[in-house]
Amino acid sequence: MQHDRDILRLVTGAHALTRVASLETRNEAPAAQWRTITLLREYGPQRIGDLAALSRVTQPGMTRLVAQMTEAGLLERGADAQDSRATVVTVTDAGLAALDEWMRVLGEALAPRFADLDDDEWAAIRRAADIVEERTRLEAPALEATR
């Protein structure tokens, strides 16, 4: 089906853009770090297990990442108000600032590759981005399914 291939091309293109930008900027932070901050910004504080499910990594892997990011001041850990045995992770102001800076650097690194696009091409990219954003946003029932 052509539609399936088009969606896959969009996904692989997005991965390629991120990889190219990371190489060009020589950013050594793991992509999982930026994904984690983005998820916490978008969905709010999360238990480590739920955050691991949202990010599609193992809980031990997320626990290690959260420990590293907490040590770096990007995240905070706290007790879950409903279950004191569980840990809730929250992004810090420093974490949000680091993500904003990475997005700025990422945009600047990619801009030259697209500098020659005309208005119609920019409109197509903007529309595709709107569609992808709309179709990939998790709503409450989908978030509950990660638990």
Protein backbone atom coordinates (compact mmCIF):
# COMPACT_ATOMS: atom_id res chain seq x y z
CA MET A 1 0.00 0.00 0.00
CA GLN A 2 1.36 3.39 -0.95
CA HIS A 3 -0.03 5.08 2.19
CA ASP A 4 1.89 2.70 4.45
CA ARG A 5 5.12 3.39 2.57
CA ASP A 6 4.56 7.15 2.76
CA ILE A 7 4.10 7.00 6.53
CA LEU A 8 7.21 4.83 6.89
CA ARG A 9 9.21 7.27 4.75
CA LEU A 10 8.09 10.09 7.05
CA VAL A 11 9.17 8.13 10.14
CA THR A 12 12.55 7.13 8.73
CA GLY A 13 13.08 10.66 7.43
CA ALA A 14 12.46 12.06 10.91
CA HIS A 15 14.96 9.60 12.37
CA ALA A 16 17.50 10.57 9.72
CA LEU A 17 17.03 14.28 10.47
CA THR A 18 17.70 13.72 14.15
CA ARG A 19 20.74 11.53 13.44
CA VAL A 20 22.21 14.05 10.95
CA ALA A 21 21.69 16.95 13.35
CA SER A 22 23.26 15.04 16.24
CA LEU A 23 26.29 14.22 14.10
CA GLU A 24 26.63 17.76 12.77
CA THR A 25 26.28 19.35 16.22
CA ARG A 26 28.44 16.68 17.86
CA ASN A 27 25.87 16.44 20.63
CA GLU A 28 26.78 13.53 22.87
CA ALA A 29 23.62 13.45 24.97
CA PRO A 30 21.63 10.30 24.31
CA ALA A 31 18.45 10.73 22.30
CA ALA A 32 16.64 9.04 25.20
CA GLN A 33 17.48 12.06 27.36
CA TRP A 34 15.70 14.48 25.03
CA ARG A 35 12.81 12.04 24.54
CA THR A 36 12.39 11.71 28.33
CA ILE A 37 12.29 15.46 28.92
CA THR A 38 9.88 15.89 26.00
CA LEU A 39 7.55 13.22 27.41
CA LEU A 40 7.59 14.77 30.86
CA ARG A 41 6.94 18.22 29.42
CA GLU A 42 4.05 16.90 27.34
CA TYR A 43 2.41 14.47 29.78
CA GLY A 44 3.52 15.80 33.16
CA PRO A 45 5.16 13.91 36.05
CA GLN A 46 5.28 10.15 35.58
CA ARG A 47 6.13 7.05 37.55
CA ILE A 48 9.35 5.48 36.30
CA GLY A 49 7.52 2.40 34.98
CA ASP A 50 4.99 4.52 33.10
CA LEU A 51 7.75 6.73 31.72
CA ALA A 52 9.62 3.62 30.55
CA ALA A 53 6.49 2.35 28.80
CA LEU A 54 5.88 5.72 27.12
CA SER A 55 9.50 5.83 25.98
CA ARG A 56 9.51 2.14 24.96
CA VAL A 57 12.53 1.23 27.09
CA THR A 58 12.95 -1.23 29.95
CA GLN A 59 12.21 -0.10 33.48
CA PRO A 60 15.82 -0.79 34.59
CA GLY A 61 17.06 1.23 31.62
CA MET A 62 14.76 4.12 32.51
CA THR A 63 15.82 3.90 36.16
CA ARG A 64 19.48 4.29 35.10
CA LEU A 65 18.66 7.16 32.74
CA VAL A 66 16.59 8.96 35.39
CA ALA A 67 19.43 8.57 37.91
CA GLN A 68 21.91 10.12 35.46
CA MET A 69 19.54 12.93 34.53
CA THR A 70 18.71 13.61 38.19
CA GLU A 71 22.42 13.82 38.97
CA ALA A 72 22.76 16.33 36.12
CA GLY A 73 19.91 18.42 37.54
CA LEU A 74 17.57 17.79 34.59
CA LEU A 75 15.00 15.74 36.53
CA GLU A 76 13.70 15.43 40.09
CA ARG A 77 12.48 12.29 41.81
CA GLY A 78 9.78 12.27 44.44
CA ALA A 79 7.35 9.94 46.15
CA ASP A 80 4.02 9.21 44.49
CA ALA A 81 1.22 10.77 46.56
CA GLN A 82 -0.97 7.70 45.97
CA ASP A 83 1.75 5.07 46.59
CA SER A 84 4.75 6.06 48.69
CA ARG A 85 6.68 3.02 47.38
CA ALA A 86 6.58 4.40 43.83
CA THR A 87 8.82 7.14 42.45
CA VAL A 88 7.46 10.00 40.37
CA VAL A 89 9.79 11.81 37.98
CA THR A 90 9.42 15.51 37.15
CA VAL A 91 11.42 17.63 34.74
CA THR A 92 13.25 20.58 36.30
CA ASP A 93 13.49 24.10 34.95
CA ALA A 94 17.10 23.28 34.03
CA GLY A 95 15.87 20.23 32.10
CA LEU A 96 13.34 22.33 30.18
CA ALA A 97 15.99 24.95 29.44
CA ALA A 98 18.40 22.24 28.21
CA LEU A 99 15.68 20.86 25.91
CA ASP A 100 14.88 24.33 24.57
CA GLU A 101 18.57 24.91 23.87
CA TRP A 102 18.90 21.52 22.14
CA MET A 103 15.88 22.33 19.97
CA ARG A 104 17.44 25.68 19.04
CA VAL A 105 20.76 24.05 18.14
CA LEU A 106 18.95 21.27 16.27
CA GLY A 107 16.95 23.80 14.25
CA GLU A 108 20.05 25.81 13.39
CA ALA A 109 21.89 22.66 12.30
CA LEU A 110 19.06 21.56 10.01
CA ALA A 111 18.08 24.97 8.59
CA PRO A 112 20.74 25.05 5.83
CA ARG A 113 19.41 21.76 4.40
CA PHE A 114 16.04 23.41 3.81
CA ALA A 115 17.05 26.99 3.03
CA ASP A 116 16.06 26.74 -0.64
CA LEU A 117 12.46 25.57 -0.09
CA ASP A 118 9.72 27.75 -1.54
CA ASP A 119 6.52 28.80 0.23
CA ASP A 120 4.51 25.85 -1.11
CA GLU A 121 7.11 23.37 0.13
CA TRP A 122 7.14 25.04 3.56
CA ALA A 123 3.34 24.85 3.62
CA ALA A 124 3.52 21.12 2.83
CA ILE A 125 6.06 20.53 5.62
CA ARG A 126 3.97 22.57 8.07
CA ARG A 127 0.82 20.60 7.16
CA ALA A 128 2.62 17.25 7.44
CA ALA A 129 4.01 18.27 10.84
CA ASP A 130 0.50 19.28 12.00
CA ILE A 131 -0.94 15.94 10.89
CA VAL A 132 1.81 13.89 12.52
CA GLU A 133 1.55 15.88 15.75
CA GLU A 134 -2.23 15.45 15.82
CA ARG A 135 -2.14 11.71 15.08
CA THR A 136 0.63 10.81 17.53
CA ARG A 137 -0.61 12.62 20.65
CA LEU A 138 -1.55 10.10 23.33
CA GLU A 139 -4.83 10.77 25.09
CA ALA A 140 -5.74 9.68 28.61
CA PRO A 141 -6.98 6.15 27.68
CA ALA A 142 -3.75 5.42 25.79
CA LEU A 143 -1.68 6.73 28.69
CA GLU A 144 -3.62 4.50 31.10
CA ALA A 145 -2.82 1.51 28.87
CA THR A 146 0.89 1.97 29.63
CA ARG A 147 0.25 1.17 33.31
